Structure formats: structure tokens, C-alpha cells
Protein backbone atom coordinates (compact mmCIF):
# COMPACT_ATOMS: atom_id res chain seq x y z
CA MET A 1 -0.08 -0.02 -24.34
CA GLY A 2 -1.71 2.99 -24.02
CA PRO A 3 -3.47 4.21 -21.09
CA ALA A 4 -6.93 2.34 -20.28
CA ARG A 5 -10.49 4.34 -20.52
CA LEU A 6 -13.42 3.55 -19.16
CA SER A 7 -16.84 3.14 -20.25
CA ASP A 8 -19.84 3.02 -17.81
CA ILE A 9 -22.73 1.08 -18.75
CA GLN A 10 -25.25 0.97 -16.28
CA GLY A 11 -22.85 0.75 -13.31
CA ASP A 12 -20.69 -2.08 -15.07
CA THR A 13 -17.36 -1.20 -16.27
CA LEU A 14 -15.46 -2.17 -19.56
CA LEU A 15 -11.95 -1.19 -19.86
CA ILE A 16 -10.85 -0.85 -23.58
CA ASP A 17 -7.07 -0.56 -24.80
CA SER A 18 -5.90 0.68 -27.68
CA LYS A 19 -5.55 -2.63 -29.74
CA ARG A 20 -9.35 -3.61 -28.89
CA GLU A 21 -10.76 -0.35 -29.26
CA LEU A 22 -12.14 -0.77 -32.79
CA THR A 23 -13.36 -4.27 -32.22
CA ALA A 24 -15.08 -3.19 -28.81
CA ALA A 25 -16.60 -0.19 -30.33
CA LEU A 26 -18.01 -2.35 -33.78
CA PHE A 27 -19.16 -4.81 -31.09
CA PHE A 28 -20.89 -2.76 -28.60
CA GLY A 29 -22.42 -0.58 -31.52
CA VAL A 30 -24.16 -3.83 -33.28
CA ILE A 31 -25.54 -4.62 -29.56
CA PHE A 32 -26.71 -1.07 -29.15
CA LEU A 33 -28.64 -0.75 -32.39
CA MET A 34 -30.16 -4.11 -31.15
CA GLY A 35 -31.78 -2.33 -28.13
CA LEU A 36 -29.97 -4.49 -25.70
CA LEU A 37 -28.05 -1.86 -24.05
CA PRO A 38 -28.94 1.66 -23.25
CA VAL A 39 -25.48 3.40 -23.86
CA SER A 40 -25.16 7.17 -24.99
CA VAL A 41 -23.62 7.95 -28.39
CA GLY A 42 -21.97 10.95 -28.74
CA ALA A 43 -23.01 12.28 -25.43
CA ASP A 44 -21.76 15.96 -24.55
CA VAL A 45 -22.51 19.16 -23.10
CA LYS A 46 -21.22 22.97 -23.33
CA ALA A 47 -21.57 25.62 -21.42
CA GLY A 48 -24.87 26.94 -21.42
CA ASP A 49 -26.48 23.62 -20.92
CA VAL A 50 -28.80 22.99 -18.37
CA ILE A 51 -29.24 19.09 -17.95
CA THR A 52 -32.76 18.14 -16.62
CA ARG A 53 -34.73 14.54 -16.97
CA GLU A 54 -35.70 15.75 -20.25
CA ASN A 55 -32.34 16.06 -21.99
CA LEU A 56 -30.70 13.73 -19.43
CA GLU A 57 -29.39 11.53 -22.41
CA GLN A 58 -27.05 14.84 -23.41
CA ALA A 59 -25.03 14.03 -20.37
CA GLY A 60 -25.07 10.42 -20.93
CA ASP A 61 -21.75 8.69 -19.02
CA LEU A 62 -20.50 12.18 -18.34
CA LEU A 63 -22.53 11.28 -15.06
CA SER A 64 -22.48 8.09 -12.86
CA PRO A 65 -25.39 5.84 -12.48
CA GLY A 66 -25.77 7.66 -9.45
CA MET A 67 -25.99 11.10 -10.78
CA GLN A 68 -28.24 10.06 -13.66
CA TRP A 69 -30.81 8.45 -10.89
CA ILE A 70 -30.57 12.23 -9.50
CA VAL A 71 -31.37 14.30 -12.31
CA ASP A 72 -33.97 11.96 -13.31
CA ARG A 73 -35.25 12.84 -9.71
CA GLY A 74 -35.87 16.60 -10.92
CA ALA A 75 -32.36 17.92 -10.22
CA ARG A 76 -30.82 21.01 -12.85
CA LEU A 77 -27.35 20.91 -13.88
CA THR A 78 -26.28 24.20 -15.39
CA VAL A 79 -23.04 23.52 -17.31
CA ILE A 80 -20.02 26.35 -17.28
CA GLU A 81 -16.50 26.36 -18.99
CA PRO A 82 -14.10 24.34 -16.87
CA THR A 83 -11.94 26.23 -14.36
CA PRO A 84 -8.25 24.92 -13.49
CA VAL A 85 -7.56 24.22 -10.00
CA SER A 86 -4.31 25.21 -8.31
CA ALA A 87 -2.64 23.67 -5.32
CA SER A 88 -1.20 25.83 -2.76
CA ARG A 89 2.60 27.30 -3.43
CA ILE A 90 3.61 25.94 -0.02
CA TYR A 91 2.12 22.54 -0.82
CA MET A 92 3.69 22.29 -4.39
CA GLU A 93 7.07 23.40 -2.69
CA ALA A 94 6.50 20.40 -0.18
CA THR A 95 5.57 18.10 -3.10
CA GLU A 96 8.81 18.88 -5.10
CA LYS A 97 11.30 18.78 -1.82
CA TYR A 98 9.53 15.19 -0.53
CA SER A 99 7.78 13.13 -3.58
CA ALA A 100 10.95 11.48 -4.75
CA GLN A 101 11.30 9.34 -0.88
CA ALA A 102 7.75 8.55 -0.70
CA ARG A 103 6.90 4.80 -1.56
CA LEU A 104 4.41 2.39 -0.59
CA SER A 105 5.22 -0.66 1.87
CA GLU A 106 5.45 -4.19 0.27
CA ASP A 107 1.89 -5.41 1.24
CA GLY A 108 0.86 -1.71 -0.28
CA ASN A 109 -0.98 -1.00 2.63
CA ALA A 110 1.27 1.68 3.77
CA LEU A 111 2.52 5.17 2.82
CA LEU A 112 6.39 5.72 3.74
CA ASN A 113 8.46 8.07 3.86
CA TRP A 114 5.92 10.46 3.37
CA VAL A 115 6.61 13.89 4.97
CA ALA A 116 4.25 16.36 3.06
CA GLY A 117 2.64 17.42 0.05
CA ARG A 118 1.40 14.87 -2.75
CA PRO A 119 3.17 11.95 -2.50
CA PHE A 120 3.03 10.82 -6.05
CA PRO A 121 2.91 13.56 -8.52
CA THR A 122 3.03 11.42 -11.34
CA ILE A 123 0.78 8.67 -12.03
CA ASP A 124 1.35 5.87 -14.71
CA THR A 125 -1.85 4.14 -14.85
CA ASN A 126 0.17 1.13 -16.04
CA ASP A 127 1.38 1.25 -12.53
CA PRO A 128 0.22 -2.32 -10.61
CA GLU A 129 -0.32 -0.25 -7.50
CA VAL A 130 -1.97 2.97 -9.42
CA ALA A 131 -5.09 2.66 -7.68
CA ARG A 132 -3.84 3.16 -3.88
CA LYS A 133 -1.33 5.71 -5.03
CA ILE A 134 -4.23 7.77 -6.40
CA MET A 135 -6.04 7.22 -2.97
CA TYR A 136 -2.91 7.97 -1.15
CA ASN A 137 -2.75 11.31 -3.14
CA TYR A 138 -6.50 11.93 -2.41
CA GLU A 139 -5.77 11.37 1.55
CA LYS A 140 -2.61 14.01 1.26
CA ARG A 141 -4.56 16.57 -0.96
CA TRP A 142 -3.84 19.93 -0.85
CA SER A 143 -6.52 21.82 0.51
CA GLN A 144 -6.58 20.14 3.82
CA THR A 145 -2.80 19.50 5.37
CA ASP A 146 -2.97 21.17 9.18
CA ASP A 147 -6.47 21.37 10.56
CA VAL A 148 -10.02 22.18 9.81
CA MET A 149 -12.75 23.56 11.58
CA LEU A 150 -16.68 23.72 10.20
CA ARG A 151 -19.25 25.50 12.46
CA ASN A 152 -22.79 26.16 12.92
CA PHE A 153 -24.04 23.84 9.95
CA ASP A 154 -27.23 21.70 9.58
CA ALA A 155 -28.82 19.13 8.10
CA ASP A 156 -32.32 17.59 6.72
CA THR A 157 -32.95 13.94 6.39
CA GLY A 158 -36.57 12.86 4.99
CA ALA A 159 -38.04 10.30 1.85
CA LEU A 160 -38.13 12.07 -1.28
CA GLY A 161 -41.55 12.50 -2.96
CA ALA A 162 -42.99 11.50 -6.16
CA LYS A 163 -42.07 13.32 -9.34
CA GLY A 164 -42.92 16.87 -9.11
CA GLN A 165 -43.11 16.61 -5.12
CA GLY A 166 -40.52 17.73 -2.69
CA MET A 167 -38.74 16.09 0.07
CA THR A 168 -40.51 14.92 3.41
CA VAL A 169 -37.93 16.55 5.96
CA GLU A 170 -38.40 13.70 8.71
CA ARG A 171 -35.52 15.13 11.01
CA HIS A 172 -33.47 18.45 10.95
CA PHE A 173 -30.20 18.25 12.32
CA LEU A 174 -27.99 21.63 13.75
CA LEU A 175 -24.70 20.69 14.51
CA ASP A 176 -21.93 22.96 16.36
CA THR A 177 -18.66 22.20 15.26
CA PHE A 178 -16.84 19.58 13.11
CA ARG A 179 -13.01 19.34 13.56
CA ARG A 180 -9.77 17.66 12.03
CA LEU A 181 -6.04 17.77 13.69
CA TYR A 182 -3.43 16.43 11.11
CA TYR A 183 -0.39 15.33 13.14
CA LYS A 184 1.71 14.51 9.62
CA GLY A 185 2.30 16.75 6.82
CA ARG A 186 1.53 19.64 8.18
CA LEU A 187 2.74 22.87 6.18
CA GLU A 188 1.19 26.27 7.59
CA VAL A 189 1.04 26.26 11.21
CA ASP A 190 3.23 25.37 13.43
CA PRO A 191 4.32 23.04 14.78
CA LYS A 192 5.42 21.16 11.13
CA PRO A 193 5.86 19.20 9.47
CA ASP A 194 4.62 16.72 12.69
CA TRP A 195 2.83 17.68 15.49
CA GLU A 196 4.55 16.95 18.85
CA PRO A 197 3.82 15.48 21.01
CA ASN A 198 1.75 12.29 19.94
CA GLU A 199 1.92 10.25 22.49
CA ASP A 200 -1.19 8.36 20.48
CA GLU A 201 0.67 8.55 17.22
CA ALA A 202 -1.85 9.43 15.36
CA LEU A 203 -2.19 10.35 12.07
CA PHE A 204 -5.25 12.56 12.59
CA LYS A 205 -7.91 13.01 15.01
CA GLN A 206 -11.62 14.13 14.37
CA SER A 207 -14.60 15.38 16.31
CA MET A 208 -17.91 16.50 15.94
CA HIS A 209 -20.18 17.66 18.58
CA PRO A 210 -22.30 18.58 20.22
CA ILE A 211 -25.39 18.00 18.07
CA ILE A 212 -28.06 21.15 19.12
CA GLU A 213 -31.04 20.06 17.24
CA PRO A 214 -33.51 17.95 17.32
CA PHE A 215 -34.17 17.86 21.05
CA ASP A 216 -33.96 13.91 21.49
CA LEU A 217 -30.42 14.33 20.11
CA ARG A 218 -29.01 17.25 21.80
CA GLY A 219 -25.68 16.78 23.45
CA VAL A 220 -24.71 13.99 21.14
CA GLY A 221 -21.36 13.94 19.72
CA ALA A 222 -18.51 11.43 17.94
CA THR A 223 -14.57 11.50 18.11
CA PHE A 224 -12.49 9.20 16.30
CA TYR A 225 -8.68 8.76 15.80
CA ARG A 226 -6.95 7.14 12.95
CA TYR A 227 -3.01 5.98 13.63
CA GLN A 228 0.32 6.05 11.89
CA ASP A 229 0.64 2.08 12.43
CA HIS A 230 -1.95 0.95 9.08
CA THR A 231 -2.43 -2.64 10.64
CA ARG A 232 -4.45 -0.75 13.86
CA GLN A 233 -7.88 -0.25 13.27
CA ASP A 234 -9.49 3.54 14.01
CA ASP A 235 -10.70 4.16 17.48
CA THR A 236 -14.33 5.87 17.54
CA TRP A 237 -16.27 6.99 20.43
CA LEU A 238 -20.08 7.95 20.30
CA TYR A 239 -21.62 10.00 23.59
CA LEU A 240 -25.06 9.53 24.36
CA PRO A 241 -25.98 12.02 26.99
CA GLN A 242 -29.62 10.44 27.50
CA LEU A 243 -28.22 7.41 28.55
CA ARG A 244 -24.75 8.62 30.18
CA ARG A 245 -22.63 6.40 28.52
CA VAL A 246 -19.84 6.71 25.91
CA ARG A 247 -20.06 3.73 23.40
CA ARG A 248 -17.18 2.83 21.45
CA LEU A 249 -17.70 1.71 17.67
CA SER A 250 -16.07 -0.91 15.48
CA SER A 251 -14.41 0.35 12.47
CA ALA A 252 -16.97 -1.53 10.43
CA GLN A 253 -19.87 0.39 12.14
CA ARG A 254 -18.10 3.33 10.72
CA SER A 255 -20.29 2.41 7.29
CA ASP A 256 -23.63 2.46 9.37
CA ALA A 257 -25.87 5.52 9.08
CA LEU A 258 -26.74 6.84 12.59
CA PHE A 259 -30.00 8.82 13.82
CA GLY A 260 -32.15 8.20 10.79
CA GLN A 261 -30.24 9.72 8.29
CA ASP A 262 -28.04 8.78 5.56
CA THR A 263 -24.68 9.29 5.99
CA ASP A 264 -21.93 7.27 7.47
CA GLN A 265 -18.34 8.59 8.89
CA ASP A 266 -16.63 6.61 5.97
CA SER A 267 -18.41 8.49 3.45
CA TYR A 268 -17.10 12.15 4.62
CA TYR A 269 -15.61 14.12 1.83
CA GLY A 270 -16.26 11.00 -0.88
CA TYR A 271 -14.29 8.79 1.46
CA SER A 272 -12.62 8.92 5.00
CA GLY A 273 -11.98 5.29 5.69
CA ASN A 274 -9.01 3.57 6.08
CA MET A 275 -6.97 3.37 3.29
CA ALA A 276 -5.76 0.00 4.47
CA TRP A 277 -8.55 -1.95 5.49
CA ALA A 278 -9.84 -2.13 1.86
CA ASP A 279 -8.96 -3.67 -1.52
CA TRP A 280 -8.27 -1.34 -4.37
CA ARG A 281 -8.42 -1.74 -8.18
CA PHE A 282 -8.21 1.05 -11.06
CA LEU A 283 -11.00 0.84 -13.32
CA GLY A 284 -9.71 3.71 -15.70
CA GLU A 285 -9.94 7.41 -16.79
CA LYS A 286 -12.82 9.24 -17.50
CA THR A 287 -14.63 12.52 -18.38
CA LEU A 288 -17.21 13.69 -15.72
CA LEU A 289 -19.49 16.59 -14.83
CA GLY A 290 -18.63 17.91 -11.26
CA ALA A 291 -19.49 20.88 -9.13
CA MET A 292 -16.08 22.31 -8.47
CA HIS A 293 -16.73 26.16 -8.57
CA ALA A 294 -20.17 26.84 -6.84
CA GLU A 295 -21.49 30.32 -7.17
CA ASN A 296 -23.84 30.10 -4.38
CA TYR A 297 -22.60 30.16 -0.65
CA PRO A 298 -24.49 29.34 1.67
CA VAL A 299 -25.89 26.61 -0.75
CA LYS A 300 -29.17 27.09 -2.92
CA TRP A 301 -31.69 24.22 -2.80
CA GLY A 302 -33.63 23.34 -5.90
CA GLU A 303 -37.06 23.56 -6.14
CA GLY A 304 -40.12 20.79 -5.95
CA SER A 305 -38.82 17.45 -6.66
CA ALA A 306 -35.20 18.66 -6.46
CA ASP A 307 -35.47 20.40 -3.07
CA PHE A 308 -33.03 17.54 -1.75
CA PHE A 309 -30.63 18.58 -4.36
CA PHE A 310 -28.24 21.84 -4.95
CA ASP A 311 -28.95 23.89 -7.78
CA ASP A 312 -25.40 25.47 -9.11
CA VAL A 313 -22.82 25.20 -11.51
CA TRP A 314 -21.28 21.72 -13.56
CA GLU A 315 -18.19 21.73 -15.19
CA LYS A 316 -16.26 18.95 -17.18
CA ARG A 317 -13.65 17.25 -15.03
CA GLU A 318 -10.95 14.55 -16.00
CA VAL A 319 -10.80 12.05 -13.00
CA TYR A 320 -9.63 8.60 -12.17
CA VAL A 321 -11.77 5.88 -11.27
CA VAL A 322 -11.24 3.83 -8.57
CA GLU A 323 -12.97 0.98 -6.99
CA PHE A 324 -13.12 0.10 -3.32
CA LYS A 325 -13.97 -3.47 -1.57
CA PRO A 326 -13.86 -3.60 2.18
CA ARG A 327 -11.51 -6.15 3.95
CA LEU A 328 -13.74 -5.55 7.22
CA PRO A 329 -16.57 -8.38 8.02
CA GLN A 330 -19.91 -6.98 8.65
CA TYR A 331 -18.94 -4.00 6.64
CA ALA A 332 -22.23 -2.16 5.35
CA TYR A 333 -21.49 -1.85 1.68
CA GLY A 334 -20.24 -4.22 -1.03
CA LYS A 335 -17.87 -1.54 -2.84
CA ARG A 336 -17.58 2.12 -3.54
CA ILE A 337 -16.85 3.63 -7.04
CA LEU A 338 -14.47 6.50 -6.54
CA PHE A 339 -14.32 9.31 -8.88
CA VAL A 340 -11.28 11.39 -8.29
CA ASP A 341 -10.45 14.35 -10.02
CA LYS A 342 -7.08 14.10 -11.58
CA GLU A 343 -5.92 17.88 -11.21
CA CYS A 344 -6.82 18.25 -7.43
CA PHE A 345 -7.50 14.88 -6.58
CA LEU A 346 -10.72 15.80 -4.83
CA ILE A 347 -14.09 13.21 -5.01
CA PRO A 348 -17.05 15.06 -6.53
CA TYR A 349 -19.22 12.02 -6.05
CA THR A 350 -18.81 8.54 -5.10
CA ASP A 351 -21.46 5.98 -6.10
CA ILE A 352 -22.37 3.05 -3.20
CA TYR A 353 -23.16 -0.60 -3.81
CA ASP A 354 -24.87 -3.16 -1.71
CA GLN A 355 -23.59 -6.38 -1.03
CA ALA A 356 -25.48 -7.94 -3.95
CA ASP A 357 -23.61 -5.40 -6.34
CA GLN A 358 -26.74 -3.44 -6.84
CA LEU A 359 -26.64 0.49 -6.33
CA TRP A 360 -27.55 1.58 -2.91
CA LYS A 361 -26.46 5.09 -2.58
CA VAL A 362 -24.59 8.00 -3.62
CA TRP A 363 -22.44 11.19 -1.91
CA ILE A 364 -22.20 14.26 -4.03
CA ASN A 365 -19.74 17.14 -2.72
CA LEU A 366 -20.60 20.61 -3.95
CA PHE A 367 -17.46 22.54 -4.14
CA LYS A 368 -16.25 25.98 -4.12
CA ILE A 369 -12.54 26.34 -4.79
CA ALA A 370 -11.77 30.51 -4.20
CA LYS A 371 -9.48 32.13 -2.28
CA GLN A 372 -12.60 33.26 -0.06
CA PRO A 373 -16.18 32.03 -0.26
CA PHE A 374 -18.01 35.23 -0.79
CA PRO A 375 -17.05 38.96 -1.26
CA ASN A 376 -15.30 40.55 1.76
CA PRO A 377 -15.61 37.65 4.06
CA PRO A 378 -15.23 38.36 8.03
CA GLU A 379 -11.65 37.82 9.43
CA GLY A 380 -10.62 34.64 8.68
CA GLY A 381 -12.20 34.03 5.66
CA SER A 382 -9.83 34.87 3.03
CA TYR A 383 -6.59 32.91 1.66
CA GLU A 384 -3.47 33.59 -0.30
CA ASP A 385 -3.92 30.55 -2.31
CA GLU A 386 -7.23 28.48 -3.66
CA VAL A 387 -8.98 26.20 -1.27
CA ALA A 388 -11.81 23.94 -0.91
CA PHE A 389 -14.67 25.33 0.55
CA ILE A 390 -17.68 22.83 0.31
CA PRO A 391 -20.83 24.56 0.90
CA ALA A 392 -23.10 21.60 0.76
CA ILE A 393 -23.07 17.53 0.73
CA VAL A 394 -25.86 15.15 -0.27
CA MET A 395 -26.51 11.49 -0.01
CA VAL A 396 -29.21 9.78 -1.43
CA ASP A 397 -30.12 6.18 -0.68
CA GLU A 398 -31.74 5.70 -4.21
CA GLN A 399 -32.77 2.08 -2.81
CA LEU A 400 -35.23 3.59 0.04
CA VAL A 401 -35.62 6.77 -1.89
CA HIS A 402 -34.37 8.94 0.87
CA ALA A 403 -31.72 11.67 1.39
CA THR A 404 -30.00 13.79 3.80
CA ARG A 405 -28.79 16.85 3.04
CA ALA A 406 -26.52 19.35 4.44
CA SER A 407 -25.87 23.20 4.44
CA LEU A 408 -22.11 23.88 5.46
CA PRO A 409 -22.77 26.69 6.72
CA SER A 410 -26.48 26.86 7.52
CA ASN A 411 -28.33 29.37 5.80
CA ARG A 412 -29.71 30.77 8.95
CA PHE A 413 -26.62 32.20 9.96
CA ASP A 414 -25.96 35.41 7.90
CA ARG A 415 -21.94 35.85 6.59
CA GLU A 416 -21.33 32.70 8.30
CA ILE A 417 -17.90 31.58 6.81
CA GLY A 418 -18.32 28.20 7.84
CA TRP A 419 -14.96 26.64 6.84
CA PHE A 420 -11.77 27.43 8.36
CA LEU A 421 -8.84 25.36 6.68
CA ASN A 422 -5.62 25.47 8.26
CA LYS A 423 -6.27 28.49 10.28
CA ASP A 424 -5.00 26.71 13.43
CA ARG A 425 -8.44 26.40 15.02
CA ALA A 426 -7.90 22.64 16.06
CA ASN A 427 -7.73 22.57 19.66
CA VAL A 428 -6.14 19.35 21.21
CA GLU A 429 -8.43 19.13 24.00
CA PHE A 430 -11.52 19.25 21.44
CA PHE A 431 -10.68 15.48 20.50
CA THR A 432 -10.73 14.15 24.18
CA VAL A 433 -13.36 11.90 25.67
CA ALA A 434 -13.56 14.42 28.46
CA GLU A 435 -14.22 16.80 26.36
CA LEU A 436 -16.83 15.09 24.31
CA ILE A 437 -18.78 14.57 27.30
CA SER A 438 -18.46 17.77 28.86
CA SER A 439 -19.55 19.31 25.83
CA GLY A 440 -22.43 17.14 25.36
CA ARG A 441 -23.65 18.12 29.21
């Protein structure tokens, strides 16, 4: 049997193997002619095309259901020729050196004997564990191996107006710093490949604090630890200076949107949840449009009814389609459909469904894969190999017709690099509860 291919029909998936392809095509062709299913036949785009609501059918299933909704709200997608993405030399050397020894535990919930690099450089779509292997490749992606710092970024959240009208900004957020420190698989900054000491036995630690605006949230921040032990749930602490207390969040609450906006911690980057606390299913392979080589840095937002979404360039990308279903009780979402780039294992966007299996939200990343964010950046902004800057993210609640857009970095800071990847910018003390409280005062 050859590799499965995926056709999306209003968010449902149909896996077609080579033996049934002709029969299935004839059957759904008849159904389409009867007007029972709004599938796109022969949908395609080429460089120079601009996809809008007027010609949305031209893109067809090159966009997920969530992205089709966004274009129908007024977003413009300018199509360019695809550009290859190359992982760094040091990452590929580590992949060649260590990948042969990496394997999954018997229950599939843990990655064993992994040292650094891509754990599974060869993906067999017939492998029963293919979904988890894809997601571990994503978790160990080349663009972040040692540490991450993002500074001076902001976000707006609000209701989307009727077609032709812009977003009503309900709250504006300005945030000081986001940092992540990896304790395993380090390649560029000493100590490597493991950070020592590591008394907490952490896989990585992450913190975002303090919030600077709005005034009533000034000083709020959050810190969380993910552990090497796959049976151990994450620890997350939220500091609320107005109450002068630290609140501890459960792993299920990582799917909750806080402070009136739409994003949740598990959706960062497209998916940031714990691999072991979910069931994973491989749905197939697909060609999608993704925004991988942004032309604008900082982000350029759209106009009119599309002002909640970035206006930039898109290209065809080959992706794996993976379904996530949570194991945690009280988790907000029923499932996620993740689209994972086959070349670089980044996620262009993720469709998120409620417990009734209805499309609820979509998370979209704008990537700029390059050696520098803009020409002649300040010190610290250039790299020997390509990295994945993320000048913007958007999360849309398509049921409430509400969105959160984030500029990473903010447009208000001239020539701000924003992102520092594997630059030794992650101070260990930044990830302590004591620092979380101190920075919020």
C-alpha cells in the first residue's frame, strides 16, 4: 500500500489508499455533481495569485477550514514560489550522529535515548507510531535547541466587525519578555548537550513576565516547567500582583484563555502541550498554503475587515496532518488538527475543535525563515544559518467571532529584533517563582 493522501471536506478527513482511489474519486464526483458536498475540484494557485473571499474557491483545500473562514472574513493571501528551508549544519550533524539510537517507549509516550538533533529523520507513514514520531520531530525542531528570548511584543484582542468593518480592540497588551530554556539537546551554547545542574529534572522551562499594559494587569506573569519524566504533569505558576498571590494552574487549565483574550498556553507555536498527555492519530499528507517567508518585519496588518490578520506572502508547503485528542479531564478542546511542515517540522496553523466536534478556533503563525530579521540588524540579530523568526501570531475564535493578534516584536519599537534564538539569553533565575513575583512589583 502506498502512502495515504488526505482530502479535507468541511473539516472531516478521508484517507484514500491507492487501491480505492479510483472508486472513491468516482463516488465523490457523483456526490459533488448532486450538490451534496461543497468540495473544490482542481483547486490550485500559482505565484502572483492573490487569494481573497472573491476567489476563495481557487485555493480550495489548499487551506484548512479555519483558514478558509479567515479569508472569507476579508484576509488577503499573496502567493509566491515555494522556498526550501534548510536546518542548521550543527543540527543536521547531531541528527546524523544520534538519531539511530532514538526510540519511543513501549507505551509510545516517551522519547528514549535522544541526545540532540531530529530524533526521526526518516518518516514511514505506515508506521503505527508515525503520529508521535512526527510530533517529537516537531518538539525537537531545529530552530530552537538551546534558548529563546522574545522582548518588546504586544497584542490586541477584540470582536471582529461585520464584513467591511474592522476589529474592535477591547484590550491592548504590552509584554516585556518571553523566555524558554532547554535543558536537553543543546547544540550551540554551553553547557551542552545537557544543562547541568538540573535538580528539577526539567526538559525545559518557560516564563513570560511582566505584563506592562493594560494597567489593571500590570505585573502579571507566568512560569512553567516541563519535566523529563513523561508521567509527570507540567507545573505552571501565575502571579497576580493585585491579589499579591501566586496561583498554581493544572495542566488542563493550560488550554484556558486568560484575561479576555483568545490564546492559551498549549497553543503557543501551534502546539506547546505535553506530548504524553494526548492521543495522536496520523491523518495523512497534504499540500497547504503556509506563511513561511514573511516579507514584512515587523508585521504588516491587513486593512478594513482584515485588520485582525497579517498581510504577507504565502507559499505551497507539503505537510503531515496529525490529530490531537486530550487525555486530561476538563481540557477545553475536543481535538486539534495540526498541520506539520514535512521539511522543517514547523506548524503553519492549527484548527481547534470543541467537545461537540465543531470548529472553534484556529492558531496561525507568520514565519520569517532567514538569517536575519531585516537588513543590517543591530548586534545579535544575524545568524550563520537560517532560523525561524515569528513576526506575528493570530488566534481566532470563529464561534464568538473574536480574535487576538500579536506583533512579535511590537511595531512601536524601531528596528527591534525581538527574537533571540540560541543566543544565551535565558538566565536560570528568570524561571523562578521568586523572580516572577519580584518582576511584577
